[in-house]
Protein backbone atom coordinates (compact mmCIF):
# COMPACT_ATOMS: atom_id res chain seq x y z
CA MET A 1 29.79 -7.23 -70.48
CA SER A 2 29.98 -4.03 -69.11
CA VAL A 3 29.63 -2.62 -65.12
CA THR A 4 29.17 0.42 -63.60
CA VAL A 5 31.94 1.31 -60.45
CA ASP A 6 28.75 1.82 -57.89
CA GLU A 7 27.37 -1.38 -58.96
CA VAL A 8 30.92 -3.64 -58.38
CA ARG A 9 30.99 -1.45 -55.29
CA GLN A 10 27.67 -2.79 -53.47
CA ASP A 11 27.91 -6.15 -55.32
CA ALA A 12 31.38 -6.45 -53.06
CA ILE A 13 29.94 -5.78 -49.79
CA LYS A 14 27.09 -7.96 -50.29
CA LEU A 15 29.94 -10.88 -51.10
CA LEU A 16 31.83 -9.65 -48.22
CA SER A 17 28.82 -9.75 -45.85
CA GLN A 18 27.95 -13.57 -47.11
CA VAL A 19 31.47 -15.28 -46.87
CA ALA A 20 33.32 -12.93 -44.07
CA GLY A 21 30.34 -13.05 -42.03
CA THR A 22 30.41 -9.34 -41.31
CA GLY A 23 27.88 -6.77 -41.45
CA VAL A 24 27.67 -4.53 -44.18
CA GLN A 25 27.83 -1.42 -42.57
CA MET A 26 31.61 -2.55 -41.56
CA TYR A 27 32.34 -1.42 -45.26
CA ALA A 28 33.22 1.98 -46.05
CA GLU A 29 32.54 2.97 -49.80
CA ASP A 30 35.10 5.53 -50.15
CA LYS A 31 37.55 2.65 -49.36
CA LEU A 32 35.91 -0.10 -51.57
CA LEU A 33 36.61 2.55 -54.29
CA ILE A 34 40.14 1.85 -54.07
CA TYR A 35 39.90 -1.51 -54.64
CA VAL A 36 37.49 -1.41 -57.22
CA ARG A 37 40.36 0.32 -59.22
CA GLN A 38 43.01 -2.25 -57.46
CA ALA A 39 40.84 -4.94 -58.84
CA PHE A 40 40.18 -3.69 -62.48
CA ASN A 41 44.09 -2.87 -62.74
CA ALA A 42 44.65 -6.46 -61.49
CA ILE A 43 42.38 -7.77 -63.93
CA PHE A 44 43.83 -5.83 -67.04
CA LYS A 45 47.12 -6.95 -66.25
CA GLN A 46 46.05 -10.31 -66.19
CA ASP A 47 45.42 -11.11 -69.88
CA PHE A 48 44.69 -9.32 -73.22
CA TRP A 49 41.01 -7.98 -73.09
CA PRO A 50 39.89 -7.30 -76.73
CA GLN A 51 37.67 -4.95 -75.13
CA TYR A 52 40.76 -2.91 -74.12
CA CYS A 53 42.92 -3.76 -77.38
CA GLU A 54 44.19 -1.60 -80.19
CA TRP A 55 45.81 -1.09 -83.44
CA GLU A 56 48.23 1.19 -83.97
CA THR A 57 49.66 0.60 -87.63
CA SER A 58 52.65 2.12 -89.88
CA ILE A 59 54.92 3.66 -86.82
CA PRO A 60 58.27 4.67 -88.23
CA LEU A 61 61.53 3.80 -86.94
CA ASP A 62 64.62 6.09 -86.42
CA GLY A 63 66.63 3.88 -88.88
CA THR A 64 69.42 4.56 -86.39
CA GLY A 65 68.59 3.77 -82.79
CA GLY A 66 65.94 1.32 -83.24
CA ILE A 67 63.61 3.81 -81.89
CA ILE A 68 59.90 4.66 -82.69
CA THR A 69 59.66 8.15 -84.14
CA THR A 70 56.40 8.29 -82.37
CA THR A 71 54.27 7.92 -79.22
CA VAL A 72 52.09 4.87 -79.42
CA ALA A 73 48.86 4.05 -76.72
CA TYR A 74 50.48 0.91 -74.96
CA ALA A 75 52.41 2.93 -72.21
CA GLU A 76 54.68 -0.32 -71.04
CA TYR A 77 56.05 -3.26 -73.09
CA ASP A 78 54.49 -5.96 -71.66
CA ASP A 79 51.42 -4.31 -72.94
CA ILE A 80 52.38 -5.08 -76.83
CA GLN A 81 50.96 -8.70 -77.63
CA TYR A 82 52.38 -8.96 -81.21
CA ILE A 83 54.16 -6.28 -83.30
CA TRP A 84 54.56 -6.88 -86.99
CA GLN A 85 56.88 -5.71 -90.19
CA ALA A 86 54.37 -2.78 -91.48
CA GLY A 87 51.50 -3.95 -94.02
CA THR A 88 53.17 -7.65 -93.45
CA ARG A 89 52.42 -11.21 -92.03
CA ARG A 90 56.27 -10.84 -90.80
CA GLU A 91 56.38 -11.55 -86.59
CA VAL A 92 58.79 -9.51 -84.84
CA PRO A 93 58.66 -11.12 -81.39
CA PRO A 94 60.34 -10.38 -78.26
CA LEU A 95 64.51 -11.09 -78.33
CA PRO A 96 65.01 -13.96 -77.18
CA ALA A 97 66.69 -14.54 -73.76
CA ARG A 98 69.57 -16.59 -74.59
CA LEU A 99 70.31 -14.10 -77.98
CA ASN A 100 73.18 -11.97 -77.59
CA PRO A 101 71.84 -8.19 -79.21
CA SER A 102 75.13 -7.49 -80.20
CA THR A 103 74.41 -10.31 -82.93
CA VAL A 104 71.79 -8.96 -83.86
CA THR A 105 72.51 -7.15 -87.92
CA GLY A 106 70.61 -5.52 -90.84
CA SER A 107 68.18 -3.59 -92.15
CA THR A 108 65.11 -5.15 -91.21
CA ALA A 109 63.07 -5.43 -87.75
CA GLN A 110 64.13 -8.63 -86.34
CA PHE A 111 63.59 -8.44 -82.58
CA PHE A 112 62.19 -5.74 -79.84
CA ILE A 113 63.13 -5.21 -76.08
CA PRO A 114 62.69 -2.96 -73.51
CA ALA A 115 62.53 0.88 -73.73
CA TYR A 116 61.94 3.12 -70.19
CA THR A 117 63.21 6.04 -71.47
CA THR A 118 60.12 8.01 -72.91
CA ALA A 119 56.72 8.17 -72.02
CA ASN A 120 54.94 5.25 -74.68
CA LYS A 121 57.58 4.38 -76.52
CA PRO A 122 58.12 1.35 -74.71
CA ILE A 123 60.09 -0.56 -76.97
CA GLN A 124 63.60 -0.85 -78.96
CA ILE A 125 63.88 -2.68 -82.00
CA LEU A 126 67.02 -4.97 -82.84
CA PRO A 127 68.95 -4.37 -85.17
CA LEU A 128 69.22 -0.61 -84.23
CA ALA A 129 69.38 -0.06 -88.19
CA ALA A 130 66.46 -1.22 -88.75
CA ALA A 131 64.39 0.79 -91.02
CA GLY A 132 60.90 1.40 -92.07
CA SER A 133 57.75 1.21 -89.94
CA LEU A 134 55.74 -1.17 -87.84
CA ASP A 135 52.07 -2.53 -86.59
CA MET A 136 50.82 -3.26 -83.25
CA TYR A 137 48.47 -4.43 -81.20
CA GLY A 138 48.54 -4.26 -77.34
CA ARG A 139 46.30 -3.91 -74.67
CA VAL A 140 45.14 0.24 -73.65
CA HIS A 141 44.65 1.45 -70.39
CA PRO A 142 41.41 3.57 -70.00
CA GLY A 143 43.46 5.89 -67.96
CA GLU A 144 45.10 6.10 -64.39
CA SER A 145 43.67 9.12 -62.80
CA SER A 146 41.07 8.37 -59.58
CA ASP A 147 38.46 10.31 -61.94
CA LEU A 148 37.99 7.28 -63.74
CA PHE A 149 36.90 5.48 -61.00
CA ASN A 150 33.60 7.63 -60.68
CA GLY A 151 30.34 5.72 -58.81
CA ASP A 152 28.84 5.92 -62.78
CA THR A 153 31.99 5.09 -64.80
CA THR A 154 31.42 2.08 -66.83
CA LEU A 155 34.13 -0.34 -66.97
CA LYS A 156 33.73 -3.24 -69.49
CA PHE A 157 34.26 -6.38 -67.61
CA ASP A 158 32.43 -9.36 -66.46
CA ARG A 159 30.37 -8.06 -63.15
CA ASP A 160 31.07 -11.20 -61.21
CA LEU A 161 34.76 -11.44 -61.92
CA LEU A 162 35.07 -7.87 -60.84
CA THR A 163 33.00 -7.73 -57.78
CA ILE A 164 34.86 -10.88 -56.59
CA ALA A 165 38.15 -9.44 -57.05
CA THR A 166 37.48 -6.29 -55.70
CA ALA A 167 36.20 -8.13 -52.33
CA LEU A 168 39.21 -10.27 -52.53
CA GLU A 169 41.32 -7.16 -52.31
CA TYR A 170 39.54 -5.78 -49.71
CA ALA A 171 39.65 -9.28 -47.58
CA THR A 172 43.62 -9.88 -48.34
CA ASP A 173 44.63 -5.90 -46.81
CA ASP A 174 41.96 -6.30 -44.53
CA GLY A 175 43.86 -9.93 -43.63
CA ASP A 176 41.54 -10.88 -39.98
CA ASN A 177 40.25 -13.62 -42.40
CA PRO A 178 42.25 -16.03 -43.94
CA ASN A 179 39.50 -18.72 -45.04
CA ALA A 180 37.33 -15.87 -46.43
CA VAL A 181 40.27 -14.84 -48.78
CA ALA A 182 40.91 -18.28 -49.67
CA LYS A 183 37.30 -18.68 -50.68
CA LEU A 184 37.54 -16.06 -52.60
CA GLN A 185 40.03 -16.79 -54.41
CA ASP A 186 38.77 -19.59 -54.94
CA LYS A 187 35.28 -18.14 -56.50
CA TYR A 188 37.76 -15.81 -58.59
CA ASN A 189 39.58 -18.68 -59.95
CA ARG A 190 36.48 -20.02 -61.23
CA ARG A 191 35.03 -17.03 -62.36
CA TYR A 192 38.21 -16.17 -64.52
CA LYS A 193 38.60 -19.36 -66.34
CA GLN A 194 34.91 -18.84 -67.31
CA VAL A 195 34.92 -15.65 -68.85
CA LYS A 196 38.61 -15.11 -70.21
CA PRO A 197 39.03 -14.05 -73.36
CA LYS A 198 38.78 -16.74 -75.96
CA ARG A 199 40.94 -16.27 -78.92
CA LEU A 200 41.34 -16.83 -82.59
CA LEU A 201 43.04 -19.54 -84.13
CA LEU A 202 44.62 -16.93 -86.21
CA MET A 203 45.85 -15.20 -83.30
CA ASN A 204 47.35 -18.21 -81.12
CA GLN A 205 49.31 -20.23 -84.05
CA ARG A 206 52.22 -18.70 -85.85
CA SER A 207 51.48 -17.86 -89.19
CA PRO A 208 53.62 -20.22 -92.54
CA ASP A 209 54.99 -16.65 -93.09
CA ILE A 210 57.01 -16.02 -89.92
CA PRO A 211 60.10 -17.37 -89.85
CA SER A 212 62.09 -18.53 -87.24
CA SER A 213 64.96 -16.63 -88.17
CA TRP A 214 65.37 -13.75 -89.99
CA TYR A 215 68.31 -12.65 -92.88
CA ASP A 216 68.03 -9.82 -95.07
CA ARG A 217 67.21 -9.57 -98.55
């Protein structure tokens, strides 16, 4: 399941011609390159795709401010899918919205919240005095630079999904044909349902070893 940027571009030109009824020559390839990148980024953020996910293990905590002491591959808070106490099956979940963080005490990692101070340190752990290390799993973007999206760059997404998404980005931005946008959105939704990640049962269910509340021993 992979495709080059040029293949997506050419497929999108053909699809736009069919759906929007406009000549192929109307679609500038350099402009479509922008829409390929936008389509890729939108799909990337839509789910946790195994081909773009990585493990990070034994990430140490500072023990005083809930801060991880090394950078991780995940750029943003929402790129992290799971966190565990290192070497265990004890999950560290996001802090529930209605839980007062000042009431979270102890010396083991219990919850995590977003952090925006340092690049590639996107989380803070509660309680702040938590010690030890963490294991993580999440999505890692292959790179934001324009060099990533050269014509011969290989993207590890379904070809049809990327093509439809690219055409949809173009048609939405163009705004001249609402019917084409609606058709492309419907095609995208149907294709996405077919290719979205099929997660293992293990990744969908909480382990019996993961408690619903925490306490220090």
